[in-house]
Amino acid sequence: MSSEDASIPTAKGRRSREAILRAAAARFESDGFDRTTVRGIAKDAGIDAAMIVRYFGSKESLFLAATSIDLELPRLEAGSERDTGFALARHAVALWGSETPGRALRILLRASTQDAEASARVGDVFATQVLPFLADDGARSPVRASLVTAQILGYAFGRYVIGLDPLVDVDDEEVARRLGGALQAVIDAP
């Protein structure tokens, strides 16, 4: 149970909060931030719109909660630098295609094309999770981490936002292998 859930005293309250988050994620994913309404989310969740305000305060706060992301980056063994790009690619392909946190990632990516706050959230995920993961060589780390992130975001944008053929239909293993090669080239570059 998260600390936010602990502040909701009843099991029914926790279930309502989770129903709101699921409905919000679905609406944000299908309609984007601007077209999503609190009333529409409430209808989908089967609750009164006032409950959304009670639990989250605003649509913006609900968006932040629905797009809370832990990339769960894989632990790498010492001496595995040769395979870091491939490990990241396999992880990224699985993560973006998943329900959790993949859905939140897809929502955030779509929203970031039109919303400064969503763009800032993408930047925050990068700064707090990707940069430390690849921080091994001082001044080159931010550039390297930025390029790795840009390639993964480019893959995700092409597959999940634009729907590029044949990227949409290509086997996940093949995508991971090809993306892994590109990521590894960035990681290995002097």
N, C-alpha and C. Protein backbone atom coordinates (compact mmCIF):
# COMPACT_ATOMS: atom_id res chain seq x y z
N MET A 1 0.84 -1.17 0.00
CA MET A 1 0.00 0.00 0.00
C MET A 1 0.89 1.23 0.00
N SER A 2 0.62 2.16 -0.91
CA SER A 2 1.42 3.38 -0.97
C SER A 2 1.02 4.32 0.17
N SER A 3 1.87 5.31 0.43
CA SER A 3 1.57 6.26 1.50
C SER A 3 0.30 7.05 1.17
N GLU A 4 0.02 7.29 -0.14
CA GLU A 4 -1.21 7.98 -0.51
C GLU A 4 -2.42 7.12 -0.16
N ASP A 5 -2.32 5.81 -0.41
CA ASP A 5 -3.42 4.91 -0.08
C ASP A 5 -3.63 4.83 1.42
N ALA A 6 -2.57 4.96 2.19
CA ALA A 6 -2.68 4.88 3.65
C ALA A 6 -3.52 6.02 4.20
N SER A 7 -3.55 7.16 3.51
CA SER A 7 -4.35 8.29 3.99
C SER A 7 -5.84 8.10 3.71
N ILE A 8 -6.20 7.10 2.93
CA ILE A 8 -7.60 6.78 2.66
C ILE A 8 -7.98 5.66 3.63
N PRO A 9 -8.86 5.96 4.59
CA PRO A 9 -9.06 5.05 5.71
C PRO A 9 -9.78 3.74 5.41
N THR A 10 -10.57 3.67 4.37
CA THR A 10 -11.36 2.46 4.18
C THR A 10 -10.94 1.71 2.93
N ALA A 11 -11.26 0.43 2.93
CA ALA A 11 -11.00 -0.39 1.74
C ALA A 11 -11.82 0.13 0.56
N LYS A 12 -13.05 0.54 0.83
CA LYS A 12 -13.90 1.08 -0.24
C LYS A 12 -13.26 2.34 -0.83
N GLY A 13 -12.71 3.20 0.02
CA GLY A 13 -12.04 4.41 -0.45
C GLY A 13 -10.84 4.09 -1.32
N ARG A 14 -10.07 3.09 -0.91
CA ARG A 14 -8.90 2.68 -1.71
C ARG A 14 -9.35 2.11 -3.05
N ARG A 15 -10.44 1.32 -3.05
CA ARG A 15 -10.96 0.77 -4.31
C ARG A 15 -11.45 1.89 -5.22
N SER A 16 -12.12 2.90 -4.64
CA SER A 16 -12.59 4.04 -5.43
C SER A 16 -11.42 4.78 -6.05
N ARG A 17 -10.39 4.99 -5.27
CA ARG A 17 -9.20 5.70 -5.76
C ARG A 17 -8.57 4.92 -6.92
N GLU A 18 -8.46 3.62 -6.78
CA GLU A 18 -7.88 2.79 -7.84
C GLU A 18 -8.76 2.80 -9.08
N ALA A 19 -10.09 2.77 -8.89
CA ALA A 19 -11.01 2.83 -10.04
C ALA A 19 -10.85 4.16 -10.77
N ILE A 20 -10.69 5.23 -10.02
CA ILE A 20 -10.47 6.54 -10.63
C ILE A 20 -9.18 6.54 -11.43
N LEU A 21 -8.11 6.01 -10.86
CA LEU A 21 -6.82 5.98 -11.56
C LEU A 21 -6.90 5.15 -12.85
N ARG A 22 -7.57 4.00 -12.78
CA ARG A 22 -7.71 3.17 -13.99
C ARG A 22 -8.52 3.90 -15.07
N ALA A 23 -9.63 4.51 -14.66
CA ALA A 23 -10.47 5.23 -15.62
C ALA A 23 -9.72 6.42 -16.19
N ALA A 24 -8.99 7.13 -15.34
CA ALA A 24 -8.23 8.29 -15.80
C ALA A 24 -7.15 7.86 -16.79
N ALA A 25 -6.45 6.80 -16.48
CA ALA A 25 -5.40 6.32 -17.39
C ALA A 25 -5.99 5.98 -18.75
N ALA A 26 -7.12 5.30 -18.76
CA ALA A 26 -7.76 4.93 -20.02
C ALA A 26 -8.18 6.18 -20.80
N ARG A 27 -8.78 7.14 -20.11
CA ARG A 27 -9.23 8.37 -20.78
C ARG A 27 -8.05 9.19 -21.28
N PHE A 28 -7.02 9.37 -20.44
CA PHE A 28 -5.86 10.15 -20.86
C PHE A 28 -5.18 9.48 -22.05
N GLU A 29 -5.14 8.15 -22.05
CA GLU A 29 -4.50 7.44 -23.15
C GLU A 29 -5.30 7.59 -24.45
N SER A 30 -6.62 7.48 -24.37
CA SER A 30 -7.41 7.54 -25.60
C SER A 30 -7.72 8.96 -26.06
N ASP A 31 -7.95 9.90 -25.11
CA ASP A 31 -8.41 11.23 -25.47
C ASP A 31 -7.37 12.33 -25.29
N GLY A 32 -6.26 12.03 -24.61
CA GLY A 32 -5.28 13.06 -24.31
C GLY A 32 -5.72 13.89 -23.12
N PHE A 33 -4.83 14.74 -22.65
CA PHE A 33 -5.12 15.52 -21.45
C PHE A 33 -6.22 16.54 -21.68
N ASP A 34 -6.12 17.31 -22.77
CA ASP A 34 -7.05 18.41 -22.99
C ASP A 34 -8.49 17.96 -23.18
N ARG A 35 -8.71 16.86 -23.88
CA ARG A 35 -10.08 16.41 -24.15
C ARG A 35 -10.65 15.55 -23.03
N THR A 36 -9.82 15.12 -22.10
CA THR A 36 -10.31 14.33 -20.97
C THR A 36 -10.99 15.25 -19.96
N THR A 37 -12.16 14.83 -19.49
CA THR A 37 -12.87 15.61 -18.49
C THR A 37 -13.00 14.82 -17.19
N VAL A 38 -13.10 15.55 -16.10
CA VAL A 38 -13.31 14.92 -14.79
C VAL A 38 -14.63 14.17 -14.79
N ARG A 39 -15.66 14.74 -15.40
CA ARG A 39 -16.97 14.06 -15.46
C ARG A 39 -16.88 12.74 -16.23
N GLY A 40 -16.14 12.75 -17.34
CA GLY A 40 -15.98 11.53 -18.12
C GLY A 40 -15.25 10.46 -17.33
N ILE A 41 -14.22 10.85 -16.61
CA ILE A 41 -13.49 9.90 -15.77
C ILE A 41 -14.40 9.34 -14.69
N ALA A 42 -15.16 10.24 -14.05
CA ALA A 42 -16.08 9.81 -12.99
C ALA A 42 -17.11 8.82 -13.53
N LYS A 43 -17.64 9.09 -14.70
CA LYS A 43 -18.62 8.18 -15.30
C LYS A 43 -17.99 6.81 -15.54
N ASP A 44 -16.79 6.81 -16.12
CA ASP A 44 -16.11 5.54 -16.39
C ASP A 44 -15.79 4.77 -15.11
N ALA A 45 -15.46 5.50 -14.05
CA ALA A 45 -15.12 4.86 -12.78
C ALA A 45 -16.35 4.47 -11.97
N GLY A 46 -17.52 4.96 -12.38
CA GLY A 46 -18.75 4.66 -11.66
C GLY A 46 -18.84 5.36 -10.31
N ILE A 47 -18.30 6.57 -10.26
CA ILE A 47 -18.32 7.34 -9.01
C ILE A 47 -18.77 8.77 -9.31
N ASP A 48 -19.03 9.53 -8.27
CA ASP A 48 -19.38 10.93 -8.40
C ASP A 48 -18.11 11.74 -8.67
N ALA A 49 -18.21 12.76 -9.53
CA ALA A 49 -17.06 13.59 -9.88
C ALA A 49 -16.44 14.25 -8.65
N ALA A 50 -17.23 14.48 -7.61
CA ALA A 50 -16.71 15.10 -6.38
C ALA A 50 -15.65 14.20 -5.73
N MET A 51 -15.73 12.91 -5.95
CA MET A 51 -14.73 11.99 -5.38
C MET A 51 -13.35 12.22 -6.00
N ILE A 52 -13.33 12.59 -7.25
CA ILE A 52 -12.04 12.87 -7.91
C ILE A 52 -11.40 14.09 -7.25
N VAL A 53 -12.21 15.11 -7.02
CA VAL A 53 -11.71 16.30 -6.35
C VAL A 53 -11.26 15.95 -4.93
N ARG A 54 -12.03 15.11 -4.26
CA ARG A 54 -11.68 14.72 -2.89
C ARG A 54 -10.33 14.00 -2.83
N TYR A 55 -10.13 13.04 -3.73
CA TYR A 55 -8.91 12.24 -3.69
C TYR A 55 -7.72 12.90 -4.36
N PHE A 56 -7.97 13.68 -5.42
CA PHE A 56 -6.84 14.19 -6.21
C PHE A 56 -6.77 15.72 -6.29
N GLY A 57 -7.85 16.41 -6.00
CA GLY A 57 -7.84 17.86 -5.99
C GLY A 57 -8.14 18.49 -7.33
N SER A 58 -7.57 17.98 -8.41
CA SER A 58 -7.76 18.58 -9.72
C SER A 58 -7.43 17.56 -10.81
N LYS A 59 -7.81 17.90 -12.02
CA LYS A 59 -7.48 17.05 -13.16
C LYS A 59 -5.96 16.96 -13.32
N GLU A 60 -5.27 18.05 -13.09
CA GLU A 60 -3.82 18.07 -13.22
C GLU A 60 -3.16 17.13 -12.22
N SER A 61 -3.65 17.15 -10.98
CA SER A 61 -3.10 16.25 -9.95
C SER A 61 -3.42 14.80 -10.27
N LEU A 62 -4.60 14.57 -10.81
CA LEU A 62 -4.97 13.21 -11.21
C LEU A 62 -4.07 12.74 -12.36
N PHE A 63 -3.78 13.64 -13.30
CA PHE A 63 -2.87 13.30 -14.40
C PHE A 63 -1.51 12.90 -13.85
N LEU A 64 -1.00 13.67 -12.90
CA LEU A 64 0.30 13.36 -12.30
C LEU A 64 0.27 11.99 -11.62
N ALA A 65 -0.81 11.68 -10.92
CA ALA A 65 -0.92 10.38 -10.26
C ALA A 65 -1.03 9.25 -11.28
N ALA A 66 -1.77 9.48 -12.35
CA ALA A 66 -1.97 8.45 -13.36
C ALA A 66 -0.71 8.20 -14.20
N THR A 67 0.20 9.17 -14.19
CA THR A 67 1.43 9.02 -14.98
C THR A 67 2.66 8.89 -14.09
N SER A 68 2.47 8.50 -12.86
CA SER A 68 3.61 8.24 -11.98
C SER A 68 4.34 7.01 -12.51
N ILE A 69 5.63 7.15 -12.74
CA ILE A 69 6.37 6.10 -13.46
C ILE A 69 7.65 5.71 -12.73
N ASP A 70 7.81 4.41 -12.57
CA ASP A 70 9.08 3.83 -12.15
C ASP A 70 9.54 2.95 -13.30
N LEU A 71 10.62 3.33 -13.95
CA LEU A 71 11.09 2.58 -15.11
C LEU A 71 11.62 1.19 -14.76
N GLU A 72 11.86 0.95 -13.49
CA GLU A 72 12.34 -0.36 -13.04
C GLU A 72 13.52 -0.82 -13.90
N LEU A 73 14.49 0.06 -14.08
CA LEU A 73 15.64 -0.26 -14.92
C LEU A 73 16.36 -1.49 -14.37
N PRO A 74 16.82 -2.34 -15.27
CA PRO A 74 17.45 -3.60 -14.82
C PRO A 74 18.77 -3.36 -14.11
N ARG A 75 19.06 -4.22 -13.16
CA ARG A 75 20.38 -4.18 -12.50
C ARG A 75 21.37 -4.83 -13.45
N LEU A 76 22.49 -4.17 -13.61
CA LEU A 76 23.51 -4.70 -14.50
C LEU A 76 24.67 -5.25 -13.68
N GLU A 77 25.17 -6.36 -14.10
CA GLU A 77 26.30 -6.98 -13.43
C GLU A 77 27.59 -6.24 -13.80
N ALA A 78 28.54 -6.26 -12.91
CA ALA A 78 29.84 -5.65 -13.19
C ALA A 78 30.44 -6.30 -14.44
N GLY A 79 31.00 -5.47 -15.30
CA GLY A 79 31.63 -5.99 -16.51
C GLY A 79 30.65 -6.26 -17.64
N SER A 80 29.39 -5.87 -17.49
CA SER A 80 28.41 -6.17 -18.53
C SER A 80 28.16 -4.98 -19.45
N GLU A 81 29.11 -4.03 -19.50
CA GLU A 81 28.93 -2.84 -20.31
C GLU A 81 28.69 -3.16 -21.78
N ARG A 82 29.25 -4.27 -22.25
CA ARG A 82 29.08 -4.66 -23.66
C ARG A 82 27.63 -4.95 -23.99
N ASP A 83 26.84 -5.31 -23.00
CA ASP A 83 25.45 -5.70 -23.23
C ASP A 83 24.43 -4.71 -22.69
N THR A 84 24.89 -3.57 -22.19
CA THR A 84 23.98 -2.60 -21.57
C THR A 84 22.90 -2.15 -22.55
N GLY A 85 23.27 -1.81 -23.76
CA GLY A 85 22.30 -1.35 -24.76
C GLY A 85 21.26 -2.39 -25.07
N PHE A 86 21.68 -3.64 -25.17
CA PHE A 86 20.74 -4.72 -25.47
C PHE A 86 19.81 -4.98 -24.28
N ALA A 87 20.36 -4.92 -23.07
CA ALA A 87 19.54 -5.09 -21.86
C ALA A 87 18.52 -3.96 -21.76
N LEU A 88 18.96 -2.74 -22.01
CA LEU A 88 18.04 -1.59 -21.96
C LEU A 88 16.95 -1.71 -23.03
N ALA A 89 17.32 -2.13 -24.22
CA ALA A 89 16.35 -2.26 -25.31
C ALA A 89 15.30 -3.32 -24.99
N ARG A 90 15.73 -4.48 -24.50
CA ARG A 90 14.77 -5.52 -24.13
C ARG A 90 13.82 -5.01 -23.06
N HIS A 91 14.39 -4.33 -22.08
CA HIS A 91 13.59 -3.79 -20.99
C HIS A 91 12.61 -2.72 -21.50
N ALA A 92 13.10 -1.81 -22.35
CA ALA A 92 12.26 -0.72 -22.87
C ALA A 92 11.10 -1.26 -23.71
N VAL A 93 11.38 -2.22 -24.57
CA VAL A 93 10.32 -2.77 -25.43
C VAL A 93 9.25 -3.44 -24.57
N ALA A 94 9.66 -4.21 -23.58
CA ALA A 94 8.69 -4.85 -22.69
C ALA A 94 7.93 -3.82 -21.87
N LEU A 95 8.64 -2.83 -21.36
CA LEU A 95 8.03 -1.80 -20.51
C LEU A 95 6.99 -0.99 -21.27
N TRP A 96 7.34 -0.50 -22.46
CA TRP A 96 6.41 0.33 -23.23
C TRP A 96 5.17 -0.45 -23.64
N GLY A 97 5.29 -1.74 -23.85
CA GLY A 97 4.14 -2.55 -24.25
C GLY A 97 3.29 -3.05 -23.09
N SER A 98 3.74 -2.81 -21.87
CA SER A 98 3.04 -3.34 -20.69
C SER A 98 1.85 -2.48 -20.28
N GLU A 99 1.02 -3.04 -19.42
CA GLU A 99 -0.09 -2.28 -18.85
C GLU A 99 0.44 -1.27 -17.84
N THR A 100 1.29 -1.74 -16.92
CA THR A 100 1.87 -0.87 -15.89
C THR A 100 3.37 -1.09 -15.89
N PRO A 101 4.15 -0.08 -16.08
CA PRO A 101 3.87 1.34 -16.26
C PRO A 101 3.74 1.76 -17.72
N GLY A 102 3.67 0.79 -18.64
CA GLY A 102 3.61 1.13 -20.07
C GLY A 102 2.51 2.10 -20.42
N ARG A 103 1.33 1.88 -19.85
CA ARG A 103 0.22 2.77 -20.15
C ARG A 103 0.56 4.20 -19.72
N ALA A 104 1.11 4.37 -18.54
CA ALA A 104 1.48 5.71 -18.06
C ALA A 104 2.53 6.33 -18.98
N LEU A 105 3.47 5.53 -19.45
CA LEU A 105 4.48 6.04 -20.37
C LEU A 105 3.85 6.50 -21.69
N ARG A 106 2.93 5.71 -22.21
CA ARG A 106 2.28 6.08 -23.47
C ARG A 106 1.45 7.35 -23.31
N ILE A 107 0.75 7.46 -22.19
CA ILE A 107 -0.05 8.66 -21.91
C ILE A 107 0.87 9.88 -21.86
N LEU A 108 1.93 9.74 -21.11
CA LEU A 108 2.86 10.86 -20.93
C LEU A 108 3.51 11.25 -22.25
N LEU A 109 3.88 10.28 -23.07
CA LEU A 109 4.50 10.58 -24.36
C LEU A 109 3.54 11.33 -25.26
N ARG A 110 2.30 10.86 -25.34
CA ARG A 110 1.31 11.56 -26.17
C ARG A 110 1.08 12.98 -25.66
N ALA A 111 0.91 13.11 -24.37
CA ALA A 111 0.62 14.42 -23.78
C ALA A 111 1.80 15.37 -23.93
N SER A 112 3.01 14.86 -23.90
CA SER A 112 4.20 15.72 -23.93
C SER A 112 4.34 16.47 -25.25
N THR A 113 3.66 16.04 -26.29
CA THR A 113 3.73 16.74 -27.56
C THR A 113 2.96 18.05 -27.55
N GLN A 114 2.05 18.22 -26.56
CA GLN A 114 1.24 19.44 -26.52
C GLN A 114 1.21 20.12 -25.16
N ASP A 115 1.78 19.48 -24.16
CA ASP A 115 1.64 20.00 -22.80
C ASP A 115 3.01 20.16 -22.14
N ALA A 116 3.30 21.36 -21.69
CA ALA A 116 4.60 21.64 -21.09
C ALA A 116 4.81 20.85 -19.80
N GLU A 117 3.74 20.65 -19.02
CA GLU A 117 3.89 19.90 -17.78
C GLU A 117 4.22 18.43 -18.06
N ALA A 118 3.59 17.86 -19.06
CA ALA A 118 3.90 16.48 -19.43
C ALA A 118 5.33 16.37 -19.95
N SER A 119 5.76 17.35 -20.73
CA SER A 119 7.15 17.36 -21.20
C SER A 119 8.11 17.43 -20.02
N ALA A 120 7.77 18.25 -19.04
CA ALA A 120 8.61 18.35 -17.84
C ALA A 120 8.64 17.03 -17.08
N ARG A 121 7.52 16.30 -17.07
CA ARG A 121 7.49 14.99 -16.40
C ARG A 121 8.43 14.01 -17.11
N VAL A 122 8.44 14.03 -18.43
CA VAL A 122 9.36 13.18 -19.18
C VAL A 122 10.79 13.54 -18.80
N GLY A 123 11.09 14.83 -18.75
CA GLY A 123 12.42 15.29 -18.36
C GLY A 123 12.78 14.86 -16.95
N ASP A 124 11.81 14.88 -16.05
CA ASP A 124 12.05 14.47 -14.67
C ASP A 124 12.36 12.97 -14.58
N VAL A 125 11.61 12.17 -15.33
CA VAL A 125 11.88 10.72 -15.34
C VAL A 125 13.29 10.48 -15.86
N PHE A 126 13.66 11.19 -16.91
CA PHE A 126 15.01 11.08 -17.46
C PHE A 126 16.05 11.43 -16.40
N ALA A 127 15.89 12.60 -15.77
CA ALA A 127 16.90 13.11 -14.82
C ALA A 127 17.02 12.24 -13.58
N THR A 128 15.91 11.71 -13.11
CA THR A 128 15.96 10.95 -11.85
C THR A 128 16.21 9.46 -12.03
N GLN A 129 15.95 8.92 -13.24
CA GLN A 129 16.09 7.48 -13.40
C GLN A 129 17.11 7.07 -14.46
N VAL A 130 17.07 7.66 -15.64
CA VAL A 130 17.97 7.24 -16.72
C VAL A 130 19.37 7.79 -16.51
N LEU A 131 19.48 9.07 -16.22
CA LEU A 131 20.79 9.68 -16.04
C LEU A 131 21.61 8.97 -14.95
N PRO A 132 21.05 8.74 -13.76
CA PRO A 132 21.84 8.02 -12.75
C PRO A 132 22.21 6.59 -13.19
N PHE A 133 21.33 5.96 -13.96
CA PHE A 133 21.59 4.60 -14.42
C PHE A 133 22.81 4.54 -15.33
N LEU A 134 22.99 5.57 -16.16
CA LEU A 134 24.10 5.59 -17.11
C LEU A 134 25.23 6.51 -16.68
N ALA A 135 25.22 6.96 -15.44
CA ALA A 135 26.24 7.90 -14.95
C ALA A 135 27.49 7.14 -14.53
N ASP A 136 28.39 6.96 -15.51
CA ASP A 136 29.59 6.21 -15.19
C ASP A 136 30.88 6.91 -15.63
N ASP A 137 30.74 7.98 -16.40
CA ASP A 137 31.97 8.57 -16.94
C ASP A 137 31.93 10.10 -16.95
N GLY A 138 31.47 10.67 -15.89
CA GLY A 138 31.54 12.12 -15.73
C GLY A 138 30.78 12.91 -16.76
N ALA A 139 31.48 13.82 -17.45
CA ALA A 139 30.84 14.78 -18.34
C ALA A 139 30.12 14.14 -19.52
N ARG A 140 30.56 12.97 -19.96
CA ARG A 140 29.90 12.31 -21.10
C ARG A 140 28.56 11.70 -20.72
N SER A 141 28.33 11.42 -19.46
CA SER A 141 27.12 10.74 -19.04
C SER A 141 25.83 11.43 -19.43
N PRO A 142 25.69 12.75 -19.21
CA PRO A 142 24.42 13.39 -19.60
C PRO A 142 24.15 13.31 -21.10
N VAL A 143 25.17 13.49 -21.91
CA VAL A 143 24.98 13.40 -23.37
C VAL A 143 24.62 11.97 -23.75
N ARG A 144 25.35 11.02 -23.23
CA ARG A 144 25.07 9.61 -23.53
C ARG A 144 23.66 9.24 -23.08
N ALA A 145 23.30 9.59 -21.87
CA ALA A 145 21.97 9.26 -21.35
C ALA A 145 20.89 9.95 -22.18
N SER A 146 21.14 11.18 -22.61
CA SER A 146 20.17 11.90 -23.46
C SER A 146 19.97 11.19 -24.79
N LEU A 147 21.06 10.75 -25.40
CA LEU A 147 20.95 10.06 -26.68
C LEU A 147 20.26 8.70 -26.54
N VAL A 148 20.56 7.98 -25.48
CA VAL A 148 19.89 6.70 -25.23
C VAL A 148 18.40 6.94 -25.04
N THR A 149 18.06 7.94 -24.22
CA THR A 149 16.67 8.27 -23.97
C THR A 149 15.96 8.68 -25.26
N ALA A 150 16.62 9.51 -26.07
CA ALA A 150 16.02 9.98 -27.31
C ALA A 150 15.73 8.82 -28.25
N GLN A 151 16.61 7.85 -28.31
CA GLN A 151 16.37 6.71 -29.20
C GLN A 151 15.21 5.86 -28.69
N ILE A 152 15.13 5.65 -27.40
CA ILE A 152 14.02 4.87 -26.85
C ILE A 152 12.70 5.62 -27.04
N LEU A 153 12.71 6.93 -26.78
CA LEU A 153 11.49 7.73 -26.99
C LEU A 153 11.10 7.76 -28.46
N GLY A 154 12.08 7.82 -29.35
CA GLY A 154 11.79 7.79 -30.78
C GLY A 154 11.12 6.49 -31.19
N TYR A 155 11.64 5.37 -30.68
CA TYR A 155 11.00 4.07 -30.94
C TYR A 155 9.55 4.10 -30.44
N ALA A 156 9.35 4.53 -29.19
CA ALA A 156 8.02 4.52 -28.59
C ALA A 156 7.07 5.47 -29.34
N PHE A 157 7.57 6.63 -29.72
CA PHE A 157 6.74 7.59 -30.46
C PHE A 157 6.30 6.99 -31.79
N GLY A 158 7.24 6.38 -32.49
CA GLY A 158 6.91 5.77 -33.77
C GLY A 158 5.91 4.63 -33.65
N ARG A 159 6.07 3.81 -32.63
CA ARG A 159 5.21 2.63 -32.49
C ARG A 159 3.87 2.96 -31.85
N TYR A 160 3.87 3.76 -30.80
CA TYR A 160 2.65 3.94 -30.01
C TYR A 160 1.90 5.24 -30.27
N VAL A 161 2.55 6.25 -30.83
CA VAL A 161 1.85 7.51 -31.08
C VAL A 161 1.53 7.64 -32.57
N ILE A 162 2.54 7.54 -33.40
CA ILE A 162 2.33 7.68 -34.84
C ILE A 162 1.76 6.39 -35.45
N GLY A 163 2.19 5.25 -34.93
CA GLY A 163 1.73 3.97 -35.47
C GLY A 163 2.40 3.62 -36.79
N LEU A 164 3.73 3.83 -36.84
CA LEU A 164 4.48 3.56 -38.07
C LEU A 164 4.43 2.08 -38.44
N ASP A 165 4.07 1.83 -39.70
CA ASP A 165 4.16 0.47 -40.23
C ASP A 165 5.56 0.30 -40.77
N PRO A 166 6.24 -0.78 -40.64
CA PRO A 166 5.83 -2.01 -39.97
C PRO A 166 6.22 -2.07 -38.49
N LEU A 167 6.66 -0.95 -37.93
CA LEU A 167 7.10 -0.94 -36.53
C LEU A 167 6.01 -1.43 -35.58
N VAL A 168 4.76 -1.13 -35.89
CA VAL A 168 3.65 -1.54 -35.04
C VAL A 168 3.55 -3.06 -34.97
N ASP A 169 3.82 -3.71 -36.09
CA ASP A 169 3.62 -5.16 -36.18
C ASP A 169 4.87 -6.00 -36.00
N VAL A 170 6.03 -5.37 -35.94
CA VAL A 170 7.27 -6.15 -35.86
C VAL A 170 7.36 -6.85 -34.49
N ASP A 171 7.94 -8.01 -34.49
CA ASP A 171 8.12 -8.81 -33.29
C ASP A 171 8.96 -8.07 -32.26
N ASP A 172 8.54 -8.11 -31.00
CA ASP A 172 9.25 -7.40 -29.93
C ASP A 172 10.72 -7.80 -29.84
N GLU A 173 11.02 -9.06 -30.05
CA GLU A 173 12.40 -9.52 -29.96
C GLU A 173 13.27 -8.90 -31.05
N GLU A 174 12.71 -8.79 -32.25
CA GLU A 174 13.46 -8.16 -33.34
C GLU A 174 13.68 -6.67 -33.05
N VAL A 175 12.64 -5.99 -32.56
CA VAL A 175 12.79 -4.57 -32.21
C VAL A 175 13.86 -4.41 -31.15
N ALA A 176 13.82 -5.25 -30.12
CA ALA A 176 14.79 -5.16 -29.03
C ALA A 176 16.21 -5.39 -29.55
N ARG A 177 16.37 -6.34 -30.45
CA ARG A 177 17.70 -6.63 -31.01
C ARG A 177 18.24 -5.45 -31.81
N ARG A 178 17.40 -4.88 -32.66
CA ARG A 178 17.84 -3.76 -33.50
C ARG A 178 18.03 -2.49 -32.68
N LEU A 179 17.09 -2.20 -31.80
CA LEU A 179 17.22 -1.02 -30.94
C LEU A 179 18.41 -1.18 -30.01
N GLY A 180 18.64 -2.40 -29.53
CA GLY A 180 19.78 -2.67 -28.67
C GLY A 180 21.09 -2.36 -29.33
N GLY A 181 21.19 -2.70 -30.63
CA GLY A 181 22.42 -2.39 -31.36
C GLY A 181 22.67 -0.89 -31.43
N ALA A 182 21.61 -0.13 -31.68
CA ALA A 182 21.74 1.33 -31.76
C ALA A 182 22.11 1.91 -30.40
N LEU A 183 21.48 1.43 -29.34
CA LEU A 183 21.79 1.91 -27.99
C LEU A 183 23.23 1.56 -27.60
N GLN A 184 23.63 0.35 -27.94
CA GLN A 184 24.99 -0.08 -27.61
C GLN A 184 26.02 0.77 -28.32
N ALA A 185 25.73 1.15 -29.56
CA ALA A 185 26.66 2.03 -30.30
C ALA A 185 26.84 3.36 -29.59
N VAL A 186 25.76 3.92 -29.05
CA VAL A 186 25.84 5.17 -28.30
C VAL A 186 26.64 4.97 -27.02
N ILE A 187 26.38 3.89 -26.33
CA ILE A 187 27.05 3.61 -25.06
C ILE A 187 28.55 3.38 -25.27
N ASP A 188 28.91 2.71 -26.37
CA ASP A 188 30.31 2.40 -26.64
C ASP A 188 31.09 3.55 -27.26
N ALA A 189 30.40 4.57 -27.76
CA ALA A 189 31.08 5.67 -28.44
C ALA A 189 32.04 6.39 -27.47
N PRO A 190 33.22 6.75 -27.99
CA PRO A 190 34.18 7.45 -27.12
C PRO A 190 33.72 8.85 -26.73
